[in-house]
Amino acid sequence: MTENTRNNKTTLVLGGTGKTGRRVAERLMARGVLTRLGSRSGRPPFNWEDRTTWAPVMQNVESAYVSFYPDLAVPGAAETVGSFAKLAVANGVLLIFLSGNLAEG
């Protein structure tokens, strides 16, 4: 986490230790944005497969960059991400989603 000189709002970066999340987090911190990395090794930890980790990681968070691993096209992903989104909205968290192209088959 880094101190934000403009305000005390925190941005959560899910997948903050992954390929794109790490880059997003680095850029936010370079701008002085208070940033929380959402990962299994983060504090507090976050795990898509353990819904009990979702609410704690959103405490005192204003916005969240969301990338879903392994991919939004896997079975059950829409329900999982939808459940997370409902919880985030209920907590007043603005969501920004990373999206990808789905291969046509």
C-alpha atoms as a PDB file:
ATOM      1  CA  MET A   1       0.000   0.000   0.000  1.00  0.00           C
ATOM      2  CA  THR A   2       1.100   3.543  -0.597  1.00  0.00           C
ATOM      3  CA  GLU A   3      -0.132   6.767   0.959  1.00  0.00           C
ATOM      4  CA  ASN A   4      -2.419   8.931  -1.090  1.00  0.00           C
ATOM      5  CA  THR A   5      -1.707  12.613  -0.739  1.00  0.00           C
ATOM      6  CA  ARG A   6      -5.055  13.611  -2.302  1.00  0.00           C
ATOM      7  CA  ASN A   7      -7.450  11.596  -0.143  1.00  0.00           C
ATOM      8  CA  ASN A   8      -7.752   8.382   1.834  1.00  0.00           C
ATOM      9  CA  LYS A   9      -9.736   6.375  -0.718  1.00  0.00           C
ATOM     10  CA  THR A  10      -8.409   2.892  -1.436  1.00  0.00           C
ATOM     11  CA  THR A  11      -8.476   1.097  -4.771  1.00  0.00           C
ATOM     12  CA  LEU A  12      -8.527  -2.684  -4.661  1.00  0.00           C
ATOM     13  CA  VAL A  13      -6.691  -4.470  -7.468  1.00  0.00           C
ATOM     14  CA  LEU A  14      -7.844  -8.083  -7.738  1.00  0.00           C
ATOM     15  CA  GLY A  15      -5.166 -10.219  -9.301  1.00  0.00           C
ATOM     16  CA  GLY A  16      -2.716  -7.583  -8.086  1.00  0.00           C
ATOM     17  CA  THR A  17       0.214  -9.971  -8.321  1.00  0.00           C
ATOM     18  CA  GLY A  18      -0.698 -11.196 -11.828  1.00  0.00           C
ATOM     19  CA  LYS A  19       0.308  -9.976 -15.265  1.00  0.00           C
ATOM     20  CA  THR A  20      -2.106  -7.071 -15.738  1.00  0.00           C
ATOM     21  CA  GLY A  21      -3.060  -6.474 -12.108  1.00  0.00           C
ATOM     22  CA  ARG A  22       0.563  -5.897 -11.130  1.00  0.00           C
ATOM     23  CA  ARG A  23       0.910  -3.245 -13.830  1.00  0.00           C
ATOM     24  CA  VAL A  24      -2.318  -1.522 -12.807  1.00  0.00           C
ATOM     25  CA  ALA A  25      -1.252  -1.523  -9.144  1.00  0.00           C
ATOM     26  CA  GLU A  26       2.203  -0.141  -9.955  1.00  0.00           C
ATOM     27  CA  ARG A  27       0.703   2.730 -11.944  1.00  0.00           C
ATOM     28  CA  LEU A  28      -1.841   3.555  -9.245  1.00  0.00           C
ATOM     29  CA  MET A  29       0.825   3.579  -6.531  1.00  0.00           C
ATOM     30  CA  ALA A  30       3.108   5.735  -8.692  1.00  0.00           C
ATOM     31  CA  ARG A  31       0.278   8.292  -8.774  1.00  0.00           C
ATOM     32  CA  GLY A  32      -0.059   8.187  -5.002  1.00  0.00           C
ATOM     33  CA  VAL A  33      -3.314   6.219  -4.967  1.00  0.00           C
ATOM     34  CA  LEU A  34      -3.784   4.109  -1.857  1.00  0.00           C
ATOM     35  CA  THR A  35      -3.805   0.588  -3.321  1.00  0.00           C
ATOM     36  CA  ARG A  36      -4.679  -2.820  -1.877  1.00  0.00           C
ATOM     37  CA  LEU A  37      -3.545  -5.944  -3.701  1.00  0.00           C
ATOM     38  CA  GLY A  38      -6.210  -8.617  -3.829  1.00  0.00           C
ATOM     39  CA  SER A  39      -4.541 -12.019  -3.928  1.00  0.00           C
ATOM     40  CA  ARG A  40      -4.290 -15.200  -1.906  1.00  0.00           C
ATOM     41  CA  SER A  41      -1.074 -13.857  -0.380  1.00  0.00           C
ATOM     42  CA  GLY A  42      -2.479 -10.350   0.189  1.00  0.00           C
ATOM     43  CA  ARG A  43      -3.451  -8.834   3.526  1.00  0.00           C
ATOM     44  CA  PRO A  44      -6.291  -9.484   3.944  1.00  0.00           C
ATOM     45  CA  PRO A  45      -6.178 -12.465   1.579  1.00  0.00           C
ATOM     46  CA  PHE A  46      -8.556 -12.781  -1.375  1.00  0.00           C
ATOM     47  CA  ASN A  47      -9.560 -15.985  -3.142  1.00  0.00           C
ATOM     48  CA  TRP A  48     -12.302 -16.295  -5.753  1.00  0.00           C
ATOM     49  CA  GLU A  49     -13.041 -19.810  -4.499  1.00  0.00           C
ATOM     50  CA  ASP A  50     -13.487 -18.711  -0.864  1.00  0.00           C
ATOM     51  CA  ARG A  51     -16.349 -16.221  -0.611  1.00  0.00           C
ATOM     52  CA  THR A  52     -15.534 -15.532   3.048  1.00  0.00           C
ATOM     53  CA  THR A  53     -12.488 -13.574   1.806  1.00  0.00           C
ATOM     54  CA  TRP A  54     -14.521 -11.211  -0.360  1.00  0.00           C
ATOM     55  CA  ALA A  55     -16.033  -8.828   2.216  1.00  0.00           C
ATOM     56  CA  PRO A  56     -12.850  -8.285   4.258  1.00  0.00           C
ATOM     57  CA  VAL A  57     -10.850  -7.270   1.189  1.00  0.00           C
ATOM     58  CA  MET A  58     -13.497  -4.639   0.330  1.00  0.00           C
ATOM     59  CA  GLN A  59     -13.374  -2.841   3.681  1.00  0.00           C
ATOM     60  CA  ASN A  60     -12.589   0.867   3.206  1.00  0.00           C
ATOM     61  CA  VAL A  61     -12.400   0.438  -0.574  1.00  0.00           C
ATOM     62  CA  GLU A  62     -13.880   2.983  -2.974  1.00  0.00           C
ATOM     63  CA  SER A  63     -13.125   1.233  -6.267  1.00  0.00           C
ATOM     64  CA  ALA A  64     -11.872  -2.107  -7.529  1.00  0.00           C
ATOM     65  CA  TYR A  65     -10.076  -3.254 -10.656  1.00  0.00           C
ATOM     66  CA  VAL A  66     -11.354  -6.781 -11.291  1.00  0.00           C
ATOM     67  CA  SER A  67      -9.707  -9.468 -13.370  1.00  0.00           C
ATOM     68  CA  PHE A  68     -11.048 -12.987 -13.071  1.00  0.00           C
ATOM     69  CA  TYR A  69      -8.764 -15.978 -13.293  1.00  0.00           C
ATOM     70  CA  PRO A  70      -8.758 -18.297 -15.116  1.00  0.00           C
ATOM     71  CA  ASP A  71     -11.197 -16.713 -17.576  1.00  0.00           C
ATOM     72  CA  LEU A  72     -14.733 -15.362 -17.726  1.00  0.00           C
ATOM     73  CA  ALA A  73     -15.621 -18.059 -20.261  1.00  0.00           C
ATOM     74  CA  VAL A  74     -15.188 -20.972 -17.806  1.00  0.00           C
ATOM     75  CA  PRO A  75     -18.343 -22.598 -16.443  1.00  0.00           C
ATOM     76  CA  GLY A  76     -19.564 -20.831 -13.296  1.00  0.00           C
ATOM     77  CA  ALA A  77     -17.521 -17.680 -13.871  1.00  0.00           C
ATOM     78  CA  ALA A  78     -20.504 -15.445 -14.608  1.00  0.00           C
ATOM     79  CA  GLU A  79     -22.253 -16.528 -11.402  1.00  0.00           C
ATOM     80  CA  THR A  80     -19.095 -16.048  -9.318  1.00  0.00           C
ATOM     81  CA  VAL A  81     -18.269 -12.628 -10.736  1.00  0.00           C
ATOM     82  CA  GLY A  82     -21.938 -11.620 -10.518  1.00  0.00           C
ATOM     83  CA  SER A  83     -22.049 -12.547  -6.832  1.00  0.00           C
ATOM     84  CA  PHE A  84     -18.870 -10.566  -6.195  1.00  0.00           C
ATOM     85  CA  ALA A  85     -20.307  -7.577  -8.080  1.00  0.00           C
ATOM     86  CA  LYS A  86     -23.506  -7.630  -6.008  1.00  0.00           C
ATOM     87  CA  LEU A  87     -21.486  -7.624  -2.796  1.00  0.00           C
ATOM     88  CA  ALA A  88     -19.253  -4.828  -4.065  1.00  0.00           C
ATOM     89  CA  VAL A  89     -22.201  -2.648  -5.077  1.00  0.00           C
ATOM     90  CA  ALA A  90     -23.847  -3.281  -1.703  1.00  0.00           C
ATOM     91  CA  ASN A  91     -20.622  -1.974  -0.127  1.00  0.00           C
ATOM     92  CA  GLY A  92     -20.523   1.117  -2.366  1.00  0.00           C
ATOM     93  CA  VAL A  93     -17.523  -0.074  -4.383  1.00  0.00           C
ATOM     94  CA  LEU A  94     -17.153   1.154  -7.976  1.00  0.00           C
ATOM     95  CA  LEU A  95     -16.070  -1.726 -10.230  1.00  0.00           C
ATOM     96  CA  ILE A  96     -13.747  -1.649 -13.229  1.00  0.00           C
ATOM     97  CA  PHE A  97     -13.557  -4.964 -15.095  1.00  0.00           C
ATOM     98  CA  LEU A  98     -10.820  -6.310 -17.321  1.00  0.00           C
ATOM     99  CA  SER A  99     -12.494  -8.024 -20.220  1.00  0.00           C
ATOM    100  CA  GLY A 100     -11.131 -10.144 -23.022  1.00  0.00           C
ATOM    101  CA  ASN A 101     -12.251 -11.408 -26.363  1.00  0.00           C
ATOM    102  CA  LEU A 102     -14.067 -14.690 -26.381  1.00  0.00           C
ATOM    103  CA  ALA A 103     -13.013 -16.956 -29.209  1.00  0.00           C
ATOM    104  CA  GLU A 104     -15.843 -17.781 -31.544  1.00  0.00           C
ATOM    105  CA  GLY A 105     -16.326 -21.461 -31.994  1.00  0.00           C
END
